[in-house]
Amino acid sequence: MVADSHARIACARLILLGQAAGSGMLLDEPRELADVTRAAKKIYNNHSQLH
C-alpha cells in the first residue's frame, strides 16, 4: 500500500511536456528543455512566495 501512495503522489506532481514529433513548436533544442526545467525548479523552490 505504501508504494501505491508514493506512486499516486509522483503522478500528481508529474509534468508532461508532450508534442507531436517534428512539430517544431516547442523544445526543438536541448537548451530549450533545460530552460523549461530551470523555470519549473524555480517555481517549485519559491512556491511559498507565490500568491
PDB file of N, CA and C in Angstrom:
ATOM      1  N   MET A   1       0.805  -1.203   0.000  1.00  0.00           N
ATOM      2  CA  MET A   1       0.000   0.000   0.000  1.00  0.00           C
ATOM      3  C   MET A   1       0.850   1.270   0.000  1.00  0.00           C
ATOM      4  N   VAL A   2       1.984   1.251   0.678  1.00  0.00           N
ATOM      5  CA  VAL A   2       2.838   2.432   0.727  1.00  0.00           C
ATOM      6  C   VAL A   2       3.339   2.793  -0.664  1.00  0.00           C
ATOM      7  N   ALA A   3       3.761   1.790  -1.424  1.00  0.00           N
ATOM      8  CA  ALA A   3       4.253   2.044  -2.785  1.00  0.00           C
ATOM      9  C   ALA A   3       3.163   2.662  -3.641  1.00  0.00           C
ATOM     10  N   ASP A   4       1.924   2.219  -3.465  1.00  0.00           N
ATOM     11  CA  ASP A   4       0.804   2.764  -4.226  1.00  0.00           C
ATOM     12  C   ASP A   4       0.608   4.239  -3.916  1.00  0.00           C
ATOM     13  N   SER A   5       0.696   4.619  -2.643  1.00  0.00           N
ATOM     14  CA  SER A   5       0.510   6.029  -2.288  1.00  0.00           C
ATOM     15  C   SER A   5       1.661   6.878  -2.820  1.00  0.00           C
ATOM     16  N   HIS A   6       2.872   6.335  -2.810  1.00  0.00           N
ATOM     17  CA  HIS A   6       4.009   7.070  -3.375  1.00  0.00           C
ATOM     18  C   HIS A   6       3.825   7.261  -4.883  1.00  0.00           C
ATOM     19  N   ALA A   7       3.320   6.253  -5.552  1.00  0.00           N
ATOM     20  CA  ALA A   7       3.077   6.359  -6.988  1.00  0.00           C
ATOM     21  C   ALA A   7       2.024   7.408  -7.276  1.00  0.00           C
ATOM     22  N   ARG A   8       0.984   7.462  -6.470  1.00  0.00           N
ATOM     23  CA  ARG A   8      -0.075   8.469  -6.661  1.00  0.00           C
ATOM     24  C   ARG A   8       0.473   9.879  -6.468  1.00  0.00           C
ATOM     25  N   ILE A   9       1.318  10.065  -5.469  1.00  0.00           N
ATOM     26  CA  ILE A   9       1.929  11.374  -5.233  1.00  0.00           C
ATOM     27  C   ILE A   9       2.824  11.761  -6.407  1.00  0.00           C
ATOM     28  N   ALA A  10       3.631  10.825  -6.884  1.00  0.00           N
ATOM     29  CA  ALA A  10       4.516  11.108  -8.015  1.00  0.00           C
ATOM     30  C   ALA A  10       3.715  11.480  -9.252  1.00  0.00           C
ATOM     31  N   CYS A  11       2.628  10.772  -9.507  1.00  0.00           N
ATOM     32  CA  CYS A  11       1.805  11.080 -10.680  1.00  0.00           C
ATOM     33  C   CYS A  11       1.155  12.444 -10.557  1.00  0.00           C
ATOM     34  N   ALA A  12       0.769  12.822  -9.358  1.00  0.00           N
ATOM     35  CA  ALA A  12       0.150  14.130  -9.146  1.00  0.00           C
ATOM     36  C   ALA A  12       1.134  15.262  -9.390  1.00  0.00           C
ATOM     37  N   ARG A  13       2.425  14.987  -9.236  1.00  0.00           N
ATOM     38  CA  ARG A  13       3.452  16.020  -9.393  1.00  0.00           C
ATOM     39  C   ARG A  13       4.125  15.983 -10.767  1.00  0.00           C
ATOM     40  N   LEU A  14       3.780  15.009 -11.576  1.00  0.00           N
ATOM     41  CA  LEU A  14       4.431  14.816 -12.864  1.00  0.00           C
ATOM     42  C   LEU A  14       4.073  15.938 -13.834  1.00  0.00           C
ATOM     43  N   ILE A  15       5.064  16.438 -14.526  1.00  0.00           N
ATOM     44  CA  ILE A  15       4.859  17.441 -15.567  1.00  0.00           C
ATOM     45  C   ILE A  15       5.135  16.770 -16.905  1.00  0.00           C
ATOM     46  N   LEU A  16       4.163  16.790 -17.786  1.00  0.00           N
ATOM     47  CA  LEU A  16       4.336  16.208 -19.113  1.00  0.00           C
ATOM     48  C   LEU A  16       4.487  17.320 -20.141  1.00  0.00           C
ATOM     49  N   LEU A  17       5.510  17.223 -20.956  1.00  0.00           N
ATOM     50  CA  LEU A  17       5.771  18.216 -21.990  1.00  0.00           C
ATOM     51  C   LEU A  17       5.676  17.537 -23.347  1.00  0.00           C
ATOM     52  N   GLY A  18       4.514  17.061 -23.669  1.00  0.00           N
ATOM     53  CA  GLY A  18       4.331  16.331 -24.918  1.00  0.00           C
ATOM     54  C   GLY A  18       4.141  17.246 -26.114  1.00  0.00           C
ATOM     55  N   GLN A  19       4.515  16.736 -27.271  1.00  0.00           N
ATOM     56  CA  GLN A  19       4.301  17.444 -28.524  1.00  0.00           C
ATOM     57  C   GLN A  19       4.412  16.429 -29.654  1.00  0.00           C
ATOM     58  N   ALA A  20       3.810  16.750 -30.762  1.00  0.00           N
ATOM     59  CA  ALA A  20       3.904  15.874 -31.921  1.00  0.00           C
ATOM     60  C   ALA A  20       5.340  15.883 -32.447  1.00  0.00           C
ATOM     61  N   ALA A  21       5.847  14.730 -32.809  1.00  0.00           N
ATOM     62  CA  ALA A  21       7.214  14.621 -33.322  1.00  0.00           C
ATOM     63  C   ALA A  21       7.372  15.485 -34.563  1.00  0.00           C
ATOM     64  N   GLY A  22       8.414  16.281 -34.572  1.00  0.00           N
ATOM     65  CA  GLY A  22       8.708  17.114 -35.727  1.00  0.00           C
ATOM     66  C   GLY A  22       7.820  18.327 -35.865  1.00  0.00           C
ATOM     67  N   SER A  23       7.044  18.654 -34.848  1.00  0.00           N
ATOM     68  CA  SER A  23       6.128  19.788 -34.955  1.00  0.00           C
ATOM     69  C   SER A  23       6.877  21.115 -34.992  1.00  0.00           C
ATOM     70  N   GLY A  24       8.056  21.155 -34.360  1.00  0.00           N
ATOM     71  CA  GLY A  24       8.837  22.386 -34.341  1.00  0.00           C
ATOM     72  C   GLY A  24       8.238  23.459 -33.457  1.00  0.00           C
ATOM     73  N   MET A  25       7.235  23.111 -32.668  1.00  0.00           N
ATOM     74  CA  MET A  25       6.559  24.116 -31.865  1.00  0.00           C
ATOM     75  C   MET A  25       7.268  24.420 -30.553  1.00  0.00           C
ATOM     76  N   LEU A  26       7.872  23.401 -29.949  1.00  0.00           N
ATOM     77  CA  LEU A  26       8.428  23.580 -28.616  1.00  0.00           C
ATOM     78  C   LEU A  26       9.561  22.588 -28.416  1.00  0.00           C
ATOM     79  N   LEU A  27      10.572  23.030 -27.728  1.00  0.00           N
ATOM     80  CA  LEU A  27      11.662  22.162 -27.297  1.00  0.00           C
ATOM     81  C   LEU A  27      12.403  21.484 -28.450  1.00  0.00           C
ATOM     82  N   ASP A  28      12.676  22.240 -29.500  1.00  0.00           N
ATOM     83  CA  ASP A  28      13.461  21.692 -30.608  1.00  0.00           C
ATOM     84  C   ASP A  28      14.902  21.429 -30.200  1.00  0.00           C
ATOM     85  N   GLU A  29      15.428  22.266 -29.336  1.00  0.00           N
ATOM     86  CA  GLU A  29      16.825  22.169 -28.926  1.00  0.00           C
ATOM     87  C   GLU A  29      16.916  21.715 -27.473  1.00  0.00           C
ATOM     88  N   PRO A  30      17.948  20.960 -27.115  1.00  0.00           N
ATOM     89  CA  PRO A  30      18.127  20.557 -25.711  1.00  0.00           C
ATOM     90  C   PRO A  30      18.165  21.765 -24.764  1.00  0.00           C
ATOM     91  N   ARG A  31      18.694  22.873 -25.238  1.00  0.00           N
ATOM     92  CA  ARG A  31      18.762  24.099 -24.441  1.00  0.00           C
ATOM     93  C   ARG A  31      17.366  24.563 -24.033  1.00  0.00           C
ATOM     94  N   GLU A  32      16.393  24.389 -24.922  1.00  0.00           N
ATOM     95  CA  GLU A  32      15.022  24.806 -24.618  1.00  0.00           C
ATOM     96  C   GLU A  32      14.420  23.954 -23.496  1.00  0.00           C
ATOM     97  N   LEU A  33      14.681  22.670 -23.515  1.00  0.00           N
ATOM     98  CA  LEU A  33      14.202  21.802 -22.444  1.00  0.00           C
ATOM     99  C   LEU A  33      14.876  22.181 -21.127  1.00  0.00           C
ATOM    100  N   ALA A  34      16.160  22.506 -21.175  1.00  0.00           N
ATOM    101  CA  ALA A  34      16.882  22.925 -19.965  1.00  0.00           C
ATOM    102  C   ALA A  34      16.267  24.210 -19.405  1.00  0.00           C
ATOM    103  N   ASP A  35      15.861  25.136 -20.279  1.00  0.00           N
ATOM    104  CA  ASP A  35      15.221  26.375 -19.831  1.00  0.00           C
ATOM    105  C   ASP A  35      13.900  26.087 -19.120  1.00  0.00           C
ATOM    106  N   VAL A  36      13.095  25.185 -19.678  1.00  0.00           N
ATOM    107  CA  VAL A  36      11.815  24.819 -19.068  1.00  0.00           C
ATOM    108  C   VAL A  36      12.056  24.146 -17.725  1.00  0.00           C
ATOM    109  N   THR A  37      13.050  23.279 -17.656  1.00  0.00           N
ATOM    110  CA  THR A  37      13.367  22.589 -16.411  1.00  0.00           C
ATOM    111  C   THR A  37      13.804  23.579 -15.336  1.00  0.00           C
ATOM    112  N   ARG A  38      14.650  24.525 -15.705  1.00  0.00           N
ATOM    113  CA  ARG A  38      15.091  25.547 -14.750  1.00  0.00           C
ATOM    114  C   ARG A  38      13.909  26.370 -14.245  1.00  0.00           C
ATOM    115  N   ALA A  39      13.005  26.728 -15.141  1.00  0.00           N
ATOM    116  CA  ALA A  39      11.834  27.513 -14.751  1.00  0.00           C
ATOM    117  C   ALA A  39      10.947  26.735 -13.786  1.00  0.00           C
ATOM    118  N   ALA A  40      10.738  25.447 -14.053  1.00  0.00           N
ATOM    119  CA  ALA A  40       9.918  24.619 -13.168  1.00  0.00           C
ATOM    120  C   ALA A  40      10.565  24.501 -11.787  1.00  0.00           C
ATOM    121  N   LYS A  41      11.881  24.329 -11.749  1.00  0.00           N
ATOM    122  CA  LYS A  41      12.587  24.248 -10.469  1.00  0.00           C
ATOM    123  C   LYS A  41      12.482  25.559  -9.701  1.00  0.00           C
ATOM    124  N   LYS A  42      12.576  26.671 -10.417  1.00  0.00           N
ATOM    125  CA  LYS A  42      12.488  27.984  -9.770  1.00  0.00           C
ATOM    126  C   LYS A  42      11.107  28.171  -9.149  1.00  0.00           C
ATOM    127  N   ILE A  43      10.072  27.787  -9.870  1.00  0.00           N
ATOM    128  CA  ILE A  43       8.708  27.885  -9.331  1.00  0.00           C
ATOM    129  C   ILE A  43       8.566  26.993  -8.111  1.00  0.00           C
ATOM    130  N   TYR A  44       9.038  25.753  -8.209  1.00  0.00           N
ATOM    131  CA  TYR A  44       8.938  24.815  -7.088  1.00  0.00           C
ATOM    132  C   TYR A  44       9.670  25.345  -5.861  1.00  0.00           C
ATOM    133  N   ASN A  45      10.884  25.835  -6.054  1.00  0.00           N
ATOM    134  CA  ASN A  45      11.696  26.303  -4.937  1.00  0.00           C
ATOM    135  C   ASN A  45      11.138  27.556  -4.285  1.00  0.00           C
ATOM    136  N   ASN A  46      10.312  28.305  -4.993  1.00  0.00           N
ATOM    137  CA  ASN A  46       9.776  29.558  -4.466  1.00  0.00           C
ATOM    138  C   ASN A  46       8.255  29.530  -4.318  1.00  0.00           C
ATOM    139  N   HIS A  47       7.664  28.338  -4.313  1.00  0.00           N
ATOM    140  CA  HIS A  47       6.215  28.241  -4.285  1.00  0.00           C
ATOM    141  C   HIS A  47       5.593  28.902  -3.059  1.00  0.00           C
ATOM    142  N   SER A  48       6.309  28.966  -1.967  1.00  0.00           N
ATOM    143  CA  SER A  48       5.751  29.581  -0.750  1.00  0.00           C
ATOM    144  C   SER A  48       5.574  31.088  -0.898  1.00  0.00           C
ATOM    145  N   GLN A  49       6.283  31.679  -1.849  1.00  0.00           N
ATOM    146  CA  GLN A  49       6.204  33.128  -2.051  1.00  0.00           C
ATOM    147  C   GLN A  49       5.148  33.504  -3.099  1.00  0.00           C
ATOM    148  N   LEU A  50       4.595  32.516  -3.784  1.00  0.00           N
ATOM    149  CA  LEU A  50       3.592  32.774  -4.816  1.00  0.00           C
ATOM    150  C   LEU A  50       2.221  32.920  -4.177  1.00  0.00           C
ATOM    151  N   HIS A  51       1.415  33.807  -4.703  1.00  0.00           N
ATOM    152  CA  HIS A  51       0.070  34.028  -4.162  1.00  0.00           C
ATOM    153  C   HIS A  51      -0.968  33.692  -5.202  1.00  0.00           C
TER     154      HIS A  51
END
